[in-house]
Amino acid sequence: LTQRFVTWPVSIFTEMKQCLKIGSGTTKHRKAAWLRGLRKEKKMQELMIVSKEEFRQRLAGLIQEAPPQEASEAMKELAINLVSTLPRLFGDELDRLTMWERIGNGVTVAIKKCGGDTDVFLTQLLDHILANKASLASCEQLQAIIFKIDALEAGGKKLLLQTLETKLNVILVYARLAWKERTK
C-alpha cells in the first residue's frame, strides 16, 4: 500500500486543536471554517509533510514539536560535522591547496543533482572529492553522520539540505575550524 501524505504547517496543530474545541456546530463544520480562515490568512508558509497517522498523533498532542530555531541549529551542527569529516576522505590525487574550495563546490553540485535525496547527495559529494572507497568504509565518523541523517524524517532531511545550501560559507568556516581542532 502506498501512503498518502498531507501537507500541513508545523505551527498550526495547537491552533487547530483549540479551534475544534471552541465554537458552535459539529466538529466537521468547525474544521472546515478553520481551514477557510487559514487559507485567507495565508499561514501556509512553513510546510511540513506528514503521514495521516503522524498528523493524528500531532493533533492529539502525542508528538511534541521541536522549535524551528533548535531544529535549524541542529541541522547546522550536523552539516558542520559532515563537512569537517570530508578532508579526511579527500582524494590523494587532488591538490590539497584547493581542498576547501573543492569541498564547497562539491556540496553545491551535489545539492543541485540530488533532487532532495540525501543518499544521492552524499554519493555525489563523496564522488566530487574523489573519496577512496576503502577510507569511506572504515571512517566511523562518517558512518555516525550517515546514521544520523538516515534517522531524520523527510522534513529534517530537507532542512539539512536547505541549511547546507543557504549557509554553506559559514558552515565551511566552522568545519575548517573543527577539522583543525581534530588534527592537532
N, C-alpha and C. Protein backbone atom coordinates (compact mmCIF):
# COMPACT_ATOMS: atom_id res chain seq x y z
N LEU A 1 0.83 -1.20 0.00
CA LEU A 1 0.00 0.00 0.00
C LEU A 1 0.86 1.24 0.00
N THR A 2 0.45 2.20 -0.78
CA THR A 2 1.15 3.47 -0.73
C THR A 2 0.46 4.35 0.29
N GLN A 3 1.24 5.17 0.93
CA GLN A 3 0.71 6.02 1.99
C GLN A 3 0.55 7.43 1.45
N ARG A 4 -0.59 8.01 1.68
CA ARG A 4 -0.83 9.37 1.25
C ARG A 4 -0.20 10.32 2.25
N PHE A 5 0.23 11.47 1.74
CA PHE A 5 0.84 12.46 2.61
C PHE A 5 -0.01 13.72 2.60
N VAL A 6 -0.11 14.32 3.76
CA VAL A 6 -0.86 15.55 3.91
C VAL A 6 0.14 16.64 4.24
N THR A 7 0.01 17.79 3.60
CA THR A 7 0.92 18.89 3.85
C THR A 7 0.26 19.87 4.80
N TRP A 8 0.90 20.07 5.95
CA TRP A 8 0.38 20.99 6.97
C TRP A 8 1.51 21.84 7.51
N PRO A 9 1.21 23.10 7.86
CA PRO A 9 2.23 23.91 8.51
C PRO A 9 2.52 23.36 9.91
N VAL A 10 3.76 23.45 10.32
CA VAL A 10 4.17 22.91 11.61
C VAL A 10 3.47 23.62 12.76
N SER A 11 3.29 24.93 12.66
CA SER A 11 2.83 25.73 13.79
C SER A 11 1.32 25.73 14.00
N ILE A 12 0.55 24.97 13.25
CA ILE A 12 -0.91 25.11 13.35
C ILE A 12 -1.61 24.00 14.10
N PHE A 13 -0.89 22.97 14.53
CA PHE A 13 -1.56 21.86 15.20
C PHE A 13 -2.24 22.29 16.49
N THR A 14 -1.57 23.10 17.29
CA THR A 14 -2.16 23.57 18.54
C THR A 14 -3.36 24.46 18.27
N GLU A 15 -3.22 25.34 17.29
CA GLU A 15 -4.32 26.25 16.93
C GLU A 15 -5.53 25.45 16.47
N MET A 16 -5.31 24.40 15.70
CA MET A 16 -6.42 23.59 15.21
C MET A 16 -7.11 22.86 16.36
N LYS A 17 -6.34 22.35 17.32
CA LYS A 17 -6.95 21.67 18.47
C LYS A 17 -7.85 22.63 19.23
N GLN A 18 -7.40 23.86 19.44
CA GLN A 18 -8.20 24.84 20.16
C GLN A 18 -9.47 25.19 19.39
N CYS A 19 -9.34 25.34 18.09
CA CYS A 19 -10.48 25.70 17.26
C CYS A 19 -11.53 24.60 17.26
N LEU A 20 -11.11 23.35 17.28
CA LEU A 20 -12.06 22.25 17.26
C LEU A 20 -12.81 22.13 18.57
N LYS A 21 -12.23 22.64 19.67
CA LYS A 21 -12.90 22.57 20.97
C LYS A 21 -13.88 23.71 21.17
N ILE A 22 -13.63 24.85 20.55
CA ILE A 22 -14.44 26.05 20.77
C ILE A 22 -15.38 26.26 19.58
N GLY A 23 -16.52 26.86 19.83
CA GLY A 23 -17.41 27.24 18.76
C GLY A 23 -18.66 26.38 18.68
N SER A 24 -19.53 26.76 17.76
CA SER A 24 -20.78 26.03 17.61
C SER A 24 -20.71 25.15 16.37
N GLY A 25 -21.64 24.23 16.27
CA GLY A 25 -21.69 23.34 15.11
C GLY A 25 -20.89 22.08 15.35
N THR A 26 -20.91 21.22 14.37
CA THR A 26 -20.21 19.96 14.50
C THR A 26 -18.71 20.17 14.31
N THR A 27 -17.95 19.19 14.70
CA THR A 27 -16.50 19.27 14.55
C THR A 27 -16.13 19.43 13.08
N LYS A 28 -16.85 18.76 12.21
CA LYS A 28 -16.58 18.84 10.79
C LYS A 28 -16.75 20.26 10.28
N HIS A 29 -17.83 20.95 10.71
CA HIS A 29 -18.08 22.32 10.27
C HIS A 29 -17.05 23.28 10.85
N ARG A 30 -16.66 23.07 12.13
CA ARG A 30 -15.65 23.93 12.74
C ARG A 30 -14.30 23.76 12.05
N LYS A 31 -13.97 22.51 11.68
CA LYS A 31 -12.71 22.26 10.99
C LYS A 31 -12.71 22.95 9.62
N ALA A 32 -13.82 22.84 8.90
CA ALA A 32 -13.91 23.47 7.58
C ALA A 32 -13.80 24.99 7.69
N ALA A 33 -14.44 25.58 8.70
CA ALA A 33 -14.36 27.02 8.90
C ALA A 33 -12.93 27.43 9.25
N TRP A 34 -12.30 26.63 10.07
CA TRP A 34 -10.93 26.93 10.47
C TRP A 34 -10.00 26.88 9.25
N LEU A 35 -10.18 25.89 8.39
CA LEU A 35 -9.35 25.78 7.19
C LEU A 35 -9.57 26.94 6.23
N ARG A 36 -10.84 27.37 6.10
CA ARG A 36 -11.12 28.54 5.25
C ARG A 36 -10.41 29.77 5.79
N GLY A 37 -10.47 29.95 7.09
CA GLY A 37 -9.79 31.09 7.72
C GLY A 37 -8.28 31.01 7.54
N LEU A 38 -7.75 29.81 7.61
CA LEU A 38 -6.32 29.61 7.44
C LEU A 38 -5.89 29.99 6.03
N ARG A 39 -6.68 29.59 5.04
CA ARG A 39 -6.35 29.93 3.66
C ARG A 39 -6.40 31.43 3.45
N LYS A 40 -7.38 32.09 4.08
CA LYS A 40 -7.50 33.54 3.92
C LYS A 40 -6.30 34.26 4.53
N GLU A 41 -5.83 33.77 5.67
CA GLU A 41 -4.72 34.42 6.35
C GLU A 41 -3.37 34.06 5.74
N LYS A 42 -3.35 33.07 4.85
CA LYS A 42 -2.13 32.63 4.16
C LYS A 42 -1.02 32.28 5.15
N LYS A 43 -1.37 31.42 6.10
CA LYS A 43 -0.38 30.98 7.07
C LYS A 43 0.39 29.77 6.58
N MET A 44 0.20 29.37 5.35
CA MET A 44 0.82 28.15 4.82
C MET A 44 2.23 28.46 4.30
N GLN A 45 3.07 29.11 5.11
CA GLN A 45 4.41 29.45 4.67
C GLN A 45 5.39 28.35 5.00
N GLU A 46 5.35 27.84 6.21
CA GLU A 46 6.29 26.82 6.65
C GLU A 46 5.59 25.48 6.58
N LEU A 47 5.84 24.71 5.53
CA LEU A 47 5.12 23.46 5.32
C LEU A 47 5.95 22.27 5.74
N MET A 48 5.24 21.25 6.17
CA MET A 48 5.87 20.01 6.59
C MET A 48 5.02 18.88 6.05
N ILE A 49 5.64 17.84 5.52
CA ILE A 49 4.88 16.71 5.00
C ILE A 49 4.84 15.64 6.09
N VAL A 50 3.64 15.24 6.43
CA VAL A 50 3.46 14.21 7.46
C VAL A 50 2.46 13.17 6.95
N SER A 51 2.58 11.98 7.48
CA SER A 51 1.63 10.93 7.12
C SER A 51 0.32 11.18 7.87
N LYS A 52 -0.72 10.49 7.47
CA LYS A 52 -2.01 10.64 8.16
C LYS A 52 -1.89 10.27 9.63
N GLU A 53 -1.17 9.19 9.90
CA GLU A 53 -1.01 8.73 11.27
C GLU A 53 -0.25 9.76 12.12
N GLU A 54 0.82 10.32 11.55
CA GLU A 54 1.57 11.33 12.29
C GLU A 54 0.72 12.58 12.51
N PHE A 55 -0.10 12.95 11.50
CA PHE A 55 -0.99 14.09 11.66
C PHE A 55 -1.95 13.87 12.82
N ARG A 56 -2.53 12.68 12.91
CA ARG A 56 -3.46 12.37 14.01
C ARG A 56 -2.74 12.43 15.36
N GLN A 57 -1.52 11.90 15.39
CA GLN A 57 -0.76 11.92 16.64
C GLN A 57 -0.41 13.34 17.05
N ARG A 58 -0.04 14.18 16.09
CA ARG A 58 0.27 15.58 16.40
C ARG A 58 -0.99 16.31 16.88
N LEU A 59 -2.09 16.05 16.23
CA LEU A 59 -3.35 16.68 16.60
C LEU A 59 -3.78 16.27 18.01
N ALA A 60 -3.53 15.02 18.36
CA ALA A 60 -3.87 14.52 19.69
C ALA A 60 -2.86 14.96 20.74
N GLY A 61 -1.75 15.56 20.31
CA GLY A 61 -0.74 16.02 21.26
C GLY A 61 0.21 14.93 21.70
N LEU A 62 0.24 13.81 20.99
CA LEU A 62 1.14 12.72 21.35
C LEU A 62 2.57 12.97 20.89
N ILE A 63 2.74 13.79 19.85
CA ILE A 63 4.06 14.13 19.34
C ILE A 63 4.29 15.61 19.60
N GLN A 64 5.39 15.92 20.26
CA GLN A 64 5.72 17.30 20.55
C GLN A 64 6.55 17.88 19.41
N GLU A 65 6.28 19.13 19.08
CA GLU A 65 7.00 19.80 18.01
C GLU A 65 8.27 20.43 18.56
N ALA A 66 9.37 20.29 17.81
CA ALA A 66 10.61 20.94 18.18
C ALA A 66 10.57 22.37 17.65
N PRO A 67 11.01 23.33 18.45
CA PRO A 67 11.02 24.71 17.96
C PRO A 67 11.89 24.82 16.72
N PRO A 68 11.48 25.62 15.73
CA PRO A 68 12.23 25.73 14.48
C PRO A 68 13.68 26.17 14.67
N GLN A 69 13.95 27.05 15.64
CA GLN A 69 15.31 27.53 15.87
C GLN A 69 16.22 26.38 16.30
N GLU A 70 15.72 25.53 17.20
CA GLU A 70 16.51 24.39 17.66
C GLU A 70 16.78 23.41 16.51
N ALA A 71 15.78 23.19 15.68
CA ALA A 71 15.94 22.28 14.55
C ALA A 71 16.96 22.83 13.57
N SER A 72 16.90 24.13 13.33
CA SER A 72 17.84 24.76 12.41
C SER A 72 19.27 24.68 12.95
N GLU A 73 19.44 24.91 14.24
CA GLU A 73 20.77 24.82 14.85
C GLU A 73 21.29 23.37 14.82
N ALA A 74 20.40 22.42 15.04
CA ALA A 74 20.80 21.01 15.00
C ALA A 74 21.25 20.63 13.59
N MET A 75 20.55 21.13 12.58
CA MET A 75 20.93 20.83 11.19
C MET A 75 22.26 21.50 10.83
N LYS A 76 22.47 22.70 11.37
CA LYS A 76 23.74 23.40 11.13
C LYS A 76 24.89 22.60 11.74
N GLU A 77 24.71 22.11 12.96
CA GLU A 77 25.75 21.30 13.61
C GLU A 77 26.02 20.01 12.83
N LEU A 78 24.96 19.38 12.38
CA LEU A 78 25.12 18.15 11.59
C LEU A 78 25.87 18.44 10.29
N ALA A 79 25.54 19.56 9.65
CA ALA A 79 26.21 19.95 8.41
C ALA A 79 27.69 20.23 8.66
N ILE A 80 28.00 20.91 9.77
CA ILE A 80 29.39 21.20 10.11
C ILE A 80 30.15 19.90 10.37
N ASN A 81 29.53 18.97 11.08
CA ASN A 81 30.18 17.68 11.34
C ASN A 81 30.45 16.93 10.04
N LEU A 82 29.48 16.95 9.13
CA LEU A 82 29.65 16.28 7.85
C LEU A 82 30.81 16.89 7.06
N VAL A 83 30.78 18.21 6.91
CA VAL A 83 31.80 18.88 6.10
C VAL A 83 33.18 18.79 6.74
N SER A 84 33.25 18.80 8.07
CA SER A 84 34.56 18.70 8.73
C SER A 84 35.15 17.29 8.62
N THR A 85 34.36 16.32 8.26
CA THR A 85 34.84 14.95 8.06
C THR A 85 35.43 14.77 6.66
N LEU A 86 35.02 15.58 5.72
CA LEU A 86 35.41 15.39 4.32
C LEU A 86 36.92 15.52 4.05
N PRO A 87 37.67 16.40 4.73
CA PRO A 87 39.12 16.45 4.44
C PRO A 87 39.83 15.12 4.69
N ARG A 88 39.34 14.37 5.63
CA ARG A 88 39.92 13.06 5.94
C ARG A 88 39.73 12.09 4.76
N LEU A 89 38.67 12.32 3.98
CA LEU A 89 38.35 11.44 2.87
C LEU A 89 38.77 12.01 1.51
N PHE A 90 39.34 13.21 1.52
CA PHE A 90 39.71 13.91 0.29
C PHE A 90 40.69 13.07 -0.52
N GLY A 91 40.44 12.97 -1.81
CA GLY A 91 41.24 12.13 -2.71
C GLY A 91 42.71 12.52 -2.74
N ASP A 92 43.59 11.54 -2.71
CA ASP A 92 45.04 11.77 -2.73
C ASP A 92 45.52 12.40 -4.03
N GLU A 93 44.82 12.13 -5.13
CA GLU A 93 45.25 12.65 -6.42
C GLU A 93 44.87 14.12 -6.64
N LEU A 94 44.11 14.69 -5.71
CA LEU A 94 43.72 16.09 -5.81
C LEU A 94 44.69 16.97 -5.04
N ASP A 95 44.73 18.25 -5.44
CA ASP A 95 45.62 19.23 -4.81
C ASP A 95 45.04 19.66 -3.46
N ARG A 96 45.78 19.46 -2.39
CA ARG A 96 45.33 19.82 -1.04
C ARG A 96 45.17 21.32 -0.86
N LEU A 97 45.83 22.12 -1.69
CA LEU A 97 45.71 23.57 -1.58
C LEU A 97 44.31 24.05 -1.97
N THR A 98 43.62 23.27 -2.77
CA THR A 98 42.27 23.65 -3.21
C THR A 98 41.20 22.80 -2.53
N MET A 99 41.57 22.14 -1.42
CA MET A 99 40.68 21.20 -0.76
C MET A 99 39.35 21.84 -0.35
N TRP A 100 39.39 22.97 0.36
CA TRP A 100 38.16 23.57 0.86
C TRP A 100 37.30 24.14 -0.26
N GLU A 101 37.94 24.65 -1.29
CA GLU A 101 37.19 25.12 -2.45
C GLU A 101 36.48 23.96 -3.14
N ARG A 102 37.20 22.85 -3.28
CA ARG A 102 36.62 21.67 -3.92
C ARG A 102 35.49 21.09 -3.08
N ILE A 103 35.64 21.08 -1.77
CA ILE A 103 34.57 20.60 -0.89
C ILE A 103 33.34 21.49 -1.01
N GLY A 104 33.54 22.81 -1.00
CA GLY A 104 32.41 23.74 -1.15
C GLY A 104 31.70 23.56 -2.48
N ASN A 105 32.49 23.44 -3.55
CA ASN A 105 31.90 23.21 -4.87
C ASN A 105 31.18 21.86 -4.92
N GLY A 106 31.74 20.87 -4.24
CA GLY A 106 31.11 19.54 -4.20
C GLY A 106 29.76 19.58 -3.52
N VAL A 107 29.66 20.33 -2.44
CA VAL A 107 28.37 20.47 -1.74
C VAL A 107 27.35 21.12 -2.67
N THR A 108 27.76 22.20 -3.33
CA THR A 108 26.85 22.92 -4.23
C THR A 108 26.38 22.03 -5.37
N VAL A 109 27.30 21.34 -6.00
CA VAL A 109 26.96 20.46 -7.13
C VAL A 109 26.07 19.31 -6.66
N ALA A 110 26.41 18.72 -5.52
CA ALA A 110 25.64 17.57 -5.02
C ALA A 110 24.21 17.97 -4.67
N ILE A 111 24.03 19.16 -4.11
CA ILE A 111 22.67 19.63 -3.79
C ILE A 111 21.85 19.79 -5.07
N LYS A 112 22.46 20.33 -6.11
CA LYS A 112 21.75 20.53 -7.37
C LYS A 112 21.38 19.20 -8.03
N LYS A 113 22.22 18.18 -7.88
CA LYS A 113 21.99 16.90 -8.55
C LYS A 113 21.13 15.93 -7.75
N CYS A 114 20.99 16.14 -6.45
CA CYS A 114 20.39 15.10 -5.61
C CYS A 114 18.86 15.05 -5.66
N GLY A 115 18.20 16.13 -6.01
CA GLY A 115 16.74 16.13 -6.06
C GLY A 115 16.09 15.91 -4.70
N GLY A 116 16.78 16.29 -3.63
CA GLY A 116 16.22 16.15 -2.29
C GLY A 116 16.53 14.83 -1.61
N ASP A 117 17.20 13.92 -2.29
CA ASP A 117 17.55 12.61 -1.73
C ASP A 117 18.92 12.71 -1.06
N THR A 118 18.98 12.50 0.25
CA THR A 118 20.24 12.66 0.98
C THR A 118 21.27 11.58 0.62
N ASP A 119 20.82 10.38 0.28
CA ASP A 119 21.77 9.34 -0.12
C ASP A 119 22.47 9.72 -1.43
N VAL A 120 21.69 10.25 -2.37
CA VAL A 120 22.27 10.71 -3.64
C VAL A 120 23.19 11.89 -3.37
N PHE A 121 22.77 12.79 -2.47
CA PHE A 121 23.60 13.94 -2.12
C PHE A 121 24.97 13.48 -1.60
N LEU A 122 24.97 12.55 -0.64
CA LEU A 122 26.23 12.08 -0.07
C LEU A 122 27.09 11.38 -1.13
N THR A 123 26.47 10.59 -1.97
CA THR A 123 27.21 9.90 -3.02
C THR A 123 27.85 10.89 -3.99
N GLN A 124 27.08 11.88 -4.42
CA GLN A 124 27.61 12.90 -5.34
C GLN A 124 28.74 13.69 -4.69
N LEU A 125 28.56 14.04 -3.43
CA LEU A 125 29.58 14.82 -2.71
C LEU A 125 30.88 14.03 -2.58
N LEU A 126 30.77 12.79 -2.17
CA LEU A 126 31.97 11.97 -1.99
C LEU A 126 32.64 11.65 -3.32
N ASP A 127 31.87 11.51 -4.38
CA ASP A 127 32.45 11.31 -5.71
C ASP A 127 33.19 12.58 -6.17
N HIS A 128 32.64 13.73 -5.82
CA HIS A 128 33.25 15.00 -6.25
C HIS A 128 34.63 15.21 -5.62
N ILE A 129 34.80 14.76 -4.39
CA ILE A 129 36.11 14.92 -3.73
C ILE A 129 36.98 13.68 -3.93
N LEU A 130 36.54 12.78 -4.79
CA LEU A 130 37.27 11.55 -5.12
C LEU A 130 37.68 10.76 -3.87
N ALA A 131 36.71 10.56 -3.01
CA ALA A 131 36.95 9.82 -1.77
C ALA A 131 37.27 8.37 -2.08
N ASN A 132 38.28 7.86 -1.41
CA ASN A 132 38.71 6.48 -1.55
C ASN A 132 37.66 5.57 -0.92
N LYS A 133 37.24 4.55 -1.64
CA LYS A 133 36.19 3.65 -1.15
C LYS A 133 36.59 2.92 0.13
N ALA A 134 37.85 2.55 0.25
CA ALA A 134 38.31 1.89 1.47
C ALA A 134 38.25 2.84 2.66
N SER A 135 38.61 4.10 2.44
CA SER A 135 38.54 5.10 3.50
C SER A 135 37.10 5.35 3.92
N LEU A 136 36.20 5.35 2.95
CA LEU A 136 34.78 5.56 3.24
C LEU A 136 34.24 4.46 4.15
N ALA A 137 34.56 3.24 3.81
CA ALA A 137 34.04 2.10 4.56
C ALA A 137 34.58 2.05 5.98
N SER A 138 35.79 2.56 6.19
CA SER A 138 36.40 2.46 7.52
C SER A 138 36.24 3.73 8.36
N CYS A 139 35.65 4.77 7.83
CA CYS A 139 35.52 6.03 8.55
C CYS A 139 34.30 5.98 9.49
N GLU A 140 34.57 5.78 10.77
CA GLU A 140 33.49 5.68 11.77
C GLU A 140 32.75 7.00 11.95
N GLN A 141 33.48 8.09 11.81
CA GLN A 141 32.85 9.41 11.95
C GLN A 141 31.81 9.62 10.85
N LEU A 142 32.14 9.25 9.62
CA LEU A 142 31.20 9.37 8.51
C LEU A 142 30.01 8.43 8.71
N GLN A 143 30.28 7.23 9.20
CA GLN A 143 29.20 6.27 9.46
C GLN A 143 28.20 6.84 10.47
N ALA A 144 28.70 7.45 11.53
CA ALA A 144 27.82 8.04 12.55
C ALA A 144 26.97 9.16 11.95
N ILE A 145 27.57 9.97 11.09
CA ILE A 145 26.83 11.07 10.46
C ILE A 145 25.77 10.51 9.51
N ILE A 146 26.11 9.48 8.75
CA ILE A 146 25.13 8.88 7.83
C ILE A 146 23.96 8.30 8.62
N PHE A 147 24.23 7.65 9.74
CA PHE A 147 23.15 7.10 10.58
C PHE A 147 22.26 8.22 11.12
N LYS A 148 22.85 9.35 11.50
CA LYS A 148 22.06 10.49 11.99
C LYS A 148 21.16 11.03 10.88
N ILE A 149 21.72 11.13 9.68
CA ILE A 149 20.94 11.65 8.55
C ILE A 149 19.81 10.68 8.20
N ASP A 150 20.10 9.39 8.19
CA ASP A 150 19.06 8.39 7.89
C ASP A 150 17.94 8.39 8.92
N ALA A 151 18.26 8.73 10.16
CA ALA A 151 17.25 8.74 11.22
C ALA A 151 16.32 9.95 11.14
N LEU A 152 16.69 10.94 10.35
CA LEU A 152 15.85 12.14 10.22
C LEU A 152 14.58 11.83 9.44
N GLU A 153 13.52 12.56 9.75
CA GLU A 153 12.29 12.48 8.96
C GLU A 153 12.52 13.23 7.65
N ALA A 154 11.57 13.13 6.76
CA ALA A 154 11.70 13.79 5.44
C ALA A 154 11.90 15.29 5.59
N GLY A 155 11.18 15.91 6.52
CA GLY A 155 11.32 17.35 6.76
C GLY A 155 12.70 17.71 7.27
N GLY A 156 13.27 16.86 8.11
CA GLY A 156 14.61 17.10 8.63
C GLY A 156 15.68 16.99 7.56
N LYS A 157 15.51 16.02 6.67
CA LYS A 157 16.47 15.86 5.57
C LYS A 157 16.41 17.06 4.64
N LYS A 158 15.20 17.53 4.38
CA LYS A 158 15.05 18.70 3.53
C LYS A 158 15.68 19.92 4.20
N LEU A 159 15.48 20.06 5.51
CA LEU A 159 16.06 21.18 6.25
C LEU A 159 17.58 21.11 6.23
N LEU A 160 18.14 19.91 6.33
CA LEU A 160 19.60 19.76 6.26
C LEU A 160 20.13 20.24 4.92
N LEU A 161 19.50 19.83 3.83
CA LEU A 161 19.94 20.26 2.50
C LEU A 161 19.77 21.76 2.31
N GLN A 162 18.68 22.32 2.83
CA GLN A 162 18.47 23.77 2.76
C GLN A 162 19.54 24.51 3.56
N THR A 163 19.88 23.99 4.73
CA THR A 163 20.89 24.61 5.57
C THR A 163 22.24 24.60 4.86
N LEU A 164 22.59 23.48 4.26
CA LEU A 164 23.85 23.39 3.51
C LEU A 164 23.87 24.36 2.33
N GLU A 165 22.73 24.50 1.68
CA GLU A 165 22.66 25.38 0.52
C GLU A 165 22.73 26.85 0.90
N THR A 166 22.02 27.23 1.94
CA THR A 166 21.92 28.66 2.28
C THR A 166 23.04 29.16 3.18
N LYS A 167 23.65 28.27 3.96
CA LYS A 167 24.68 28.70 4.92
C LYS A 167 26.03 28.06 4.63
N LEU A 168 26.30 27.74 3.38
CA LEU A 168 27.49 26.98 3.04
C LEU A 168 28.78 27.67 3.46
N ASN A 169 28.89 28.97 3.22
CA ASN A 169 30.14 29.67 3.54
C ASN A 169 30.43 29.63 5.04
N VAL A 170 29.41 29.86 5.85
CA VAL A 170 29.58 29.82 7.30
C VAL A 170 29.90 28.40 7.75
N ILE A 171 29.24 27.43 7.17
CA ILE A 171 29.49 26.03 7.51
C ILE A 171 30.93 25.64 7.17
N LEU A 172 31.44 26.11 6.03
CA LEU A 172 32.82 25.82 5.66
C LEU A 172 33.81 26.40 6.67
N VAL A 173 33.54 27.60 7.15
CA VAL A 173 34.43 28.23 8.14
C VAL A 173 34.45 27.41 9.42
N TYR A 174 33.28 27.07 9.94
CA TYR A 174 33.20 26.29 11.17
C TYR A 174 33.77 24.88 10.97
N ALA A 175 33.54 24.30 9.81
CA ALA A 175 34.04 22.95 9.53
C ALA A 175 35.57 22.95 9.49
N ARG A 176 36.14 23.98 8.91
CA ARG A 176 37.60 24.06 8.85
C ARG A 176 38.18 24.19 10.26
N LEU A 177 37.54 25.00 11.10
CA LEU A 177 37.99 25.13 12.49
C LEU A 177 37.89 23.80 13.23
N ALA A 178 36.78 23.09 13.05
CA ALA A 178 36.59 21.78 13.70
C ALA A 178 37.62 20.78 13.20
N TRP A 179 37.92 20.81 11.91
CA TRP A 179 38.91 19.91 11.34
C TRP A 179 40.30 20.20 11.90
N LYS A 180 40.64 21.49 12.04
CA LYS A 180 41.95 21.88 12.61
C LYS A 180 42.07 21.39 14.05
N GLU A 181 40.98 21.50 14.82
CA GLU A 181 40.99 21.03 16.21
C GLU A 181 41.22 19.53 16.29
N ARG A 182 40.64 18.80 15.39
CA ARG A 182 40.77 17.33 15.39
C ARG A 182 42.17 16.89 14.98
N THR A 183 42.81 17.65 14.09
CA THR A 183 44.12 17.23 13.58
C THR A 183 45.28 17.73 14.43
N LYS A 184 45.01 18.47 15.48
CA LYS A 184 46.09 18.94 16.35
C LYS A 184 46.71 17.82 17.11
